[in-house]
Amino acid sequence: MLTQTTIKWWQAFNPAIYLISILPAIAVIVLAGEAPIWKQGLIFSTLAVVLIQHAINLFNDVSDWNLGADTEKMDSWVRASNGNTRTVTIHAFISFFSGGIIGLSVLIVGDKLWIIIIALPLIALGYLYNAGKHPLSYTWMGEWVTGVCYGPGVFGCLWLVTGLDLNITAVLGMITFATLAVSLLLSHQPPQIETDRAVGKKSFCVRYGIQKTRQVSVALFTIALLLIGAGISLNHNFSYLQYTSLFLLIISFCFYLGKIGPNPKRVLLLSSTLLLLSVIALPWLVHTNPVPAL
């Protein structure tokens, strides 16, 4: 049964969850190597992605509130609105269309309107993830939709917006963020398995159990970080010692997550740390003749 405890809007706002929309932009910079990128386009496209993600989070809170899931979730935007789902829905549409307008403006300025052919179906998937009486997030398709939206959708479109070619690095990046996003989603599911099951939500955790969910979350996280390492190796000319240090760091992060168990904060913190360290360290680590992006 839903409690009516109210909270303030800043208690519902959780900045950490938006990292999954910001990290792909950082990865584009890291994996581009010495290839030139359109930085202004990348910045505003990332802002558009964050706004659309925010809208989807709001739609998710409304959907869960109406269907009776996540009853233990205290940082719900619906709670912050005193249970008024209409207010949250309006907030969601404002954020959704603001993100869409910014994204469309970037494509027009950059003369890349053709990307909209790729982006629109994926944005529609993101909306349907939480829309209606039978949202995709309540079906077995939820995890697949998440992977497609954050892999080809977010990373893929950001990569193309910056003017980079569709190449092996782009494919690695798309797989990286598809697996990382699903790992993050799975890490979120175990605490809410009972309420999800009660409302008929067919999440991975409901279908396969808590232990399997945590194992798969760690496995996908490991794949994502190894692919980041592979992408860096392809596009930067390191010494063997530097390669070894990079992959030892990745292995230590993966082992740590497997040891203590995944949750959203740990998945985001470890992946963010790797990418931020890469951004900071790469200018000092690369040789004078870097390998061009493949």
Protein backbone atom coordinates (compact mmCIF):
# COMPACT_ATOMS: atom_id res chain seq x y z
CA MET A 1 0.00 0.00 0.00
CA LEU A 2 1.31 3.44 -0.97
CA THR A 3 2.15 5.76 1.87
CA GLN A 4 1.38 9.42 1.38
CA THR A 5 4.57 10.77 2.93
CA THR A 6 5.51 13.90 1.03
CA ILE A 7 8.99 15.16 0.20
CA LYS A 8 10.53 18.28 -1.30
CA TRP A 9 11.54 18.44 -4.97
CA TRP A 10 15.27 18.47 -4.17
CA GLN A 11 14.81 15.18 -2.32
CA ALA A 12 13.37 13.64 -5.48
CA PHE A 13 16.16 15.06 -7.64
CA ASN A 14 18.98 12.53 -7.77
CA PRO A 15 21.85 13.96 -9.88
CA ALA A 16 23.80 10.69 -9.91
CA ILE A 17 21.27 8.91 -12.11
CA TYR A 18 21.90 11.38 -14.93
CA LEU A 19 25.49 10.20 -15.22
CA ILE A 20 24.31 7.40 -17.52
CA SER A 21 23.39 10.14 -20.04
CA ILE A 22 26.59 12.16 -19.48
CA LEU A 23 29.12 9.31 -19.52
CA PRO A 24 28.57 8.54 -23.24
CA ALA A 25 29.68 12.10 -24.07
CA ILE A 26 32.84 11.66 -22.01
CA ALA A 27 33.42 8.34 -23.76
CA VAL A 28 33.12 10.01 -27.17
CA ILE A 29 35.95 12.36 -26.19
CA VAL A 30 38.08 9.50 -24.83
CA LEU A 31 37.50 7.13 -27.75
CA ALA A 32 37.79 9.69 -30.54
CA GLY A 33 41.57 9.67 -30.25
CA GLU A 34 43.04 12.56 -32.21
CA ALA A 35 40.04 12.83 -34.54
CA PRO A 36 38.47 16.32 -34.42
CA ILE A 37 35.02 16.51 -32.83
CA TRP A 38 32.29 19.17 -32.77
CA LYS A 39 32.44 19.99 -29.07
CA GLN A 40 29.59 22.50 -28.99
CA GLY A 41 27.33 19.99 -30.69
CA LEU A 42 28.37 17.32 -28.20
CA ILE A 43 27.63 19.58 -25.20
CA PHE A 44 24.16 20.63 -26.34
CA SER A 45 23.27 17.14 -27.56
CA THR A 46 24.19 15.79 -24.13
CA LEU A 47 21.96 18.41 -22.51
CA ALA A 48 19.13 17.24 -24.77
CA VAL A 49 19.73 13.62 -23.73
CA VAL A 50 19.71 14.56 -20.03
CA LEU A 51 16.39 16.40 -20.41
CA ILE A 52 14.83 13.47 -22.24
CA GLN A 53 16.12 11.06 -19.60
CA HIS A 54 14.66 13.33 -16.91
CA ALA A 55 11.31 13.20 -18.70
CA ILE A 56 11.44 9.41 -18.89
CA ASN A 57 12.27 9.24 -15.17
CA LEU A 58 9.21 11.38 -14.45
CA PHE A 59 6.99 9.23 -16.67
CA ASN A 60 8.37 6.20 -14.83
CA ASP A 61 7.41 7.64 -11.43
CA VAL A 62 3.89 8.36 -12.67
CA SER A 63 3.53 4.91 -14.21
CA ASP A 64 4.80 3.16 -11.07
CA TRP A 65 2.58 5.28 -8.83
CA ASN A 66 -0.51 4.48 -10.89
CA LEU A 67 0.29 0.76 -11.16
CA GLY A 68 1.38 0.32 -7.55
CA ALA A 69 5.06 -0.51 -8.11
CA ASP A 70 8.05 0.97 -6.23
CA THR A 71 5.88 1.64 -3.18
CA GLU A 72 9.04 1.80 -1.07
CA LYS A 73 10.56 4.52 -3.27
CA MET A 74 10.73 7.69 -1.19
CA ASP A 75 12.48 9.90 -3.78
CA SER A 76 9.54 9.82 -6.20
CA TRP A 77 8.58 12.98 -8.07
CA VAL A 78 4.95 12.10 -7.44
CA ARG A 79 5.58 12.24 -3.70
CA ALA A 80 7.26 15.60 -4.19
CA SER A 81 4.03 16.75 -5.88
CA ASN A 82 1.81 15.50 -3.03
CA GLY A 83 0.56 12.59 -5.12
CA ASN A 84 -0.52 14.81 -8.03
CA THR A 85 0.42 12.78 -11.10
CA ARG A 86 -0.92 15.46 -13.45
CA THR A 87 1.70 17.94 -12.25
CA VAL A 88 4.49 15.41 -12.75
CA THR A 89 3.17 14.47 -16.20
CA ILE A 90 3.17 18.13 -17.30
CA HIS A 91 6.71 18.47 -15.90
CA ALA A 92 7.69 15.38 -17.90
CA PHE A 93 6.29 16.68 -21.19
CA ILE A 94 8.01 20.06 -20.72
CA SER A 95 11.34 18.31 -20.15
CA PHE A 96 10.72 15.89 -23.03
CA PHE A 97 9.91 18.58 -25.59
CA SER A 98 12.68 20.89 -24.33
CA GLY A 99 15.19 18.10 -24.89
CA GLY A 100 13.69 17.39 -28.30
CA ILE A 101 13.88 21.03 -29.38
CA ILE A 102 17.50 21.37 -28.25
CA GLY A 103 18.45 18.14 -30.00
CA LEU A 104 16.67 19.17 -33.20
CA SER A 105 18.38 22.57 -33.11
CA VAL A 106 21.79 20.90 -32.87
CA LEU A 107 21.00 18.75 -35.90
CA ILE A 108 19.85 21.77 -37.91
CA VAL A 109 22.89 23.88 -37.00
CA GLY A 110 25.24 20.98 -37.70
CA ASP A 111 23.47 20.10 -40.96
CA LYS A 112 22.91 16.58 -39.65
CA LEU A 113 19.14 16.25 -39.85
CA TRP A 114 19.55 12.75 -41.27
CA ILE A 115 20.41 11.57 -37.73
CA ILE A 116 16.77 12.18 -36.80
CA ILE A 117 15.90 9.04 -38.77
CA ILE A 118 17.90 7.07 -36.20
CA ALA A 119 16.98 9.14 -33.15
CA LEU A 120 13.18 9.40 -33.48
CA PRO A 121 12.37 5.67 -33.25
CA LEU A 122 14.66 5.37 -30.23
CA ILE A 123 13.09 8.40 -28.52
CA ALA A 124 9.69 6.82 -29.19
CA LEU A 125 10.92 3.61 -27.56
CA GLY A 126 12.05 5.62 -24.55
CA TYR A 127 8.59 7.16 -24.26
CA LEU A 128 6.81 3.81 -24.65
CA TYR A 129 9.08 2.40 -21.95
CA ASN A 130 6.77 4.02 -19.41
CA ALA A 131 3.68 5.06 -21.37
CA GLY A 132 0.18 3.67 -21.11
CA LYS A 133 -1.37 0.90 -19.05
CA HIS A 134 1.14 -1.66 -20.35
CA PRO A 135 4.54 0.11 -20.54
CA LEU A 136 7.48 -1.76 -22.02
CA SER A 137 9.29 -1.52 -18.69
CA TYR A 138 6.73 -3.95 -17.28
CA THR A 139 7.47 -6.58 -19.92
CA TRP A 140 10.44 -8.84 -20.73
CA MET A 141 11.44 -6.18 -23.29
CA GLY A 142 12.39 -3.61 -20.64
CA GLU A 143 16.06 -4.51 -20.42
CA TRP A 144 16.40 -4.80 -24.22
CA VAL A 145 14.80 -1.39 -24.77
CA THR A 146 17.17 0.15 -22.21
CA GLY A 147 20.20 -1.32 -23.98
CA VAL A 148 19.10 -0.18 -27.43
CA CYS A 149 18.25 3.34 -26.25
CA TYR A 150 21.54 3.96 -24.45
CA GLY A 151 23.81 2.06 -26.85
CA PRO A 152 22.91 2.95 -30.45
CA GLY A 153 20.54 5.65 -29.19
CA VAL A 154 22.62 7.82 -26.89
CA PHE A 155 26.25 6.91 -27.61
CA GLY A 156 25.67 6.20 -31.31
CA CYS A 157 23.87 9.47 -31.98
CA LEU A 158 26.34 11.55 -29.94
CA TRP A 159 29.20 9.94 -31.88
CA LEU A 160 27.61 10.85 -35.21
CA VAL A 161 26.62 14.37 -34.11
CA THR A 162 30.26 15.20 -33.36
CA GLY A 163 31.19 14.38 -36.96
CA LEU A 164 32.95 11.07 -36.33
CA ASP A 165 32.68 8.18 -38.76
CA LEU A 166 30.72 5.02 -38.09
CA ASN A 167 33.60 2.61 -37.45
CA ILE A 168 34.71 -0.19 -35.16
CA THR A 169 35.21 2.24 -32.27
CA ALA A 170 31.64 3.49 -32.68
CA VAL A 171 30.34 -0.08 -32.55
CA LEU A 172 32.42 -0.82 -29.44
CA GLY A 173 31.05 2.32 -27.79
CA MET A 174 27.46 1.41 -28.60
CA ILE A 175 27.88 -2.07 -27.14
CA THR A 176 29.64 -0.55 -24.12
CA PHE A 177 26.75 1.70 -23.17
CA ALA A 178 24.10 -0.84 -24.03
CA THR A 179 25.68 -3.26 -21.56
CA LEU A 180 26.45 -0.58 -18.96
CA ALA A 181 22.89 0.77 -19.01
CA VAL A 182 21.42 -2.71 -18.58
CA SER A 183 23.91 -3.46 -15.80
CA LEU A 184 22.73 -0.30 -14.05
CA LEU A 185 19.08 -1.24 -14.53
CA LEU A 186 19.62 -4.75 -13.17
CA SER A 187 21.51 -3.41 -10.15
CA HIS A 188 18.41 -1.39 -9.30
CA GLN A 189 15.95 -4.30 -9.42
CA PRO A 190 16.67 -6.60 -6.41
CA PRO A 191 15.40 -4.25 -3.65
CA GLN A 192 12.04 -3.86 -5.41
CA ILE A 193 11.46 -7.46 -6.51
CA GLU A 194 8.46 -8.00 -4.21
CA THR A 195 6.54 -4.91 -5.30
CA ASP A 196 7.42 -5.58 -8.95
CA ARG A 197 6.13 -9.12 -8.67
CA ALA A 198 2.98 -7.95 -6.90
CA VAL A 199 1.99 -5.62 -9.75
CA GLY A 200 2.91 -8.09 -12.50
CA LYS A 201 6.11 -6.41 -13.65
CA LYS A 202 8.17 -8.92 -15.65
CA SER A 203 11.58 -7.51 -14.83
CA PHE A 204 14.69 -9.64 -15.19
CA CYS A 205 14.86 -9.96 -11.41
CA VAL A 206 11.27 -11.18 -11.17
CA ARG A 207 11.89 -13.72 -13.92
CA TYR A 208 15.28 -15.05 -12.81
CA GLY A 209 15.75 -14.10 -9.16
CA ILE A 210 18.03 -11.82 -7.17
CA GLN A 211 21.24 -13.87 -7.37
CA LYS A 212 21.13 -14.28 -11.15
CA THR A 213 20.29 -10.60 -11.57
CA ARG A 214 23.32 -9.52 -9.57
CA GLN A 215 25.58 -11.94 -11.43
CA VAL A 216 24.42 -10.68 -14.83
CA SER A 217 24.75 -7.06 -13.69
CA VAL A 218 28.39 -7.64 -12.74
CA ALA A 219 29.04 -9.57 -15.97
CA LEU A 220 27.61 -6.76 -18.12
CA PHE A 221 29.55 -4.17 -16.13
CA THR A 222 32.74 -6.16 -16.76
CA ILE A 223 32.04 -6.34 -20.49
CA ALA A 224 31.39 -2.59 -20.62
CA LEU A 225 34.64 -1.66 -18.88
CA LEU A 226 36.70 -4.11 -20.94
CA LEU A 227 35.23 -2.61 -24.11
CA ILE A 228 36.17 0.87 -22.91
CA GLY A 229 39.70 -0.42 -22.41
CA ALA A 230 39.67 -1.97 -25.89
CA GLY A 231 38.45 1.30 -27.42
CA ILE A 232 41.18 3.28 -25.69
CA SER A 233 43.78 0.75 -26.84
CA LEU A 234 42.62 1.03 -30.45
CA ASN A 235 42.82 4.80 -30.56
CA HIS A 236 45.80 5.69 -28.37
CA ASN A 237 49.40 4.56 -28.65
CA PHE A 238 50.36 3.44 -25.14
CA SER A 239 53.38 1.61 -23.82
CA TYR A 240 52.88 -1.97 -22.65
CA LEU A 241 53.15 -0.79 -19.05
CA GLN A 242 50.37 1.73 -19.60
CA TYR A 243 48.15 -0.89 -21.26
CA THR A 244 48.80 -3.23 -18.35
CA SER A 245 47.96 -0.54 -15.80
CA LEU A 246 44.72 0.31 -17.60
CA PHE A 247 43.45 -3.25 -17.69
CA LEU A 248 44.58 -3.97 -14.13
CA LEU A 249 42.49 -0.99 -13.02
CA ILE A 250 39.52 -2.29 -14.99
CA ILE A 251 39.88 -5.79 -13.55
CA SER A 252 40.16 -4.39 -10.01
CA PHE A 253 36.95 -2.37 -10.47
CA CYS A 254 35.10 -5.42 -11.80
CA PHE A 255 36.40 -7.67 -9.02
CA TYR A 256 35.40 -5.08 -6.41
CA LEU A 257 31.85 -4.82 -7.77
CA GLY A 258 31.53 -8.58 -7.87
CA LYS A 259 32.82 -8.85 -4.30
CA ILE A 260 30.53 -6.31 -2.62
CA GLY A 261 27.59 -6.64 -5.01
CA PRO A 262 26.19 -4.19 -7.56
CA ASN A 263 23.90 -1.29 -6.87
CA PRO A 264 23.25 1.83 -8.98
CA LYS A 265 25.67 4.10 -7.10
CA ARG A 266 28.54 1.59 -7.33
CA VAL A 267 27.99 0.91 -11.03
CA LEU A 268 27.92 4.62 -11.81
CA LEU A 269 30.79 5.57 -9.50
CA LEU A 270 33.19 2.94 -10.85
CA SER A 271 32.39 3.55 -14.52
CA SER A 272 32.55 7.33 -14.02
CA THR A 273 35.91 7.03 -12.27
CA LEU A 274 37.40 5.05 -15.16
CA LEU A 275 36.22 7.52 -17.80
CA LEU A 276 37.18 10.61 -15.81
CA LEU A 277 40.64 9.21 -15.08
CA SER A 278 40.98 8.52 -18.80
CA VAL A 279 40.06 12.09 -19.73
CA ILE A 280 42.54 13.48 -17.20
CA ALA A 281 45.38 11.06 -17.89
CA LEU A 282 45.28 10.63 -21.67
CA PRO A 283 46.96 13.96 -22.55
CA TRP A 284 50.00 12.85 -20.51
CA LEU A 285 49.97 9.20 -21.53
CA VAL A 286 49.67 9.29 -25.28
CA HIS A 287 52.80 9.27 -27.38
CA THR A 288 53.68 12.05 -29.75
CA ASN A 289 52.25 10.06 -32.67
CA PRO A 290 48.86 8.75 -31.51
CA VAL A 291 47.04 6.11 -33.47
CA PRO A 292 44.16 7.67 -35.49
CA ALA A 293 40.60 6.55 -34.71
CA LEU A 294 39.75 3.26 -36.41
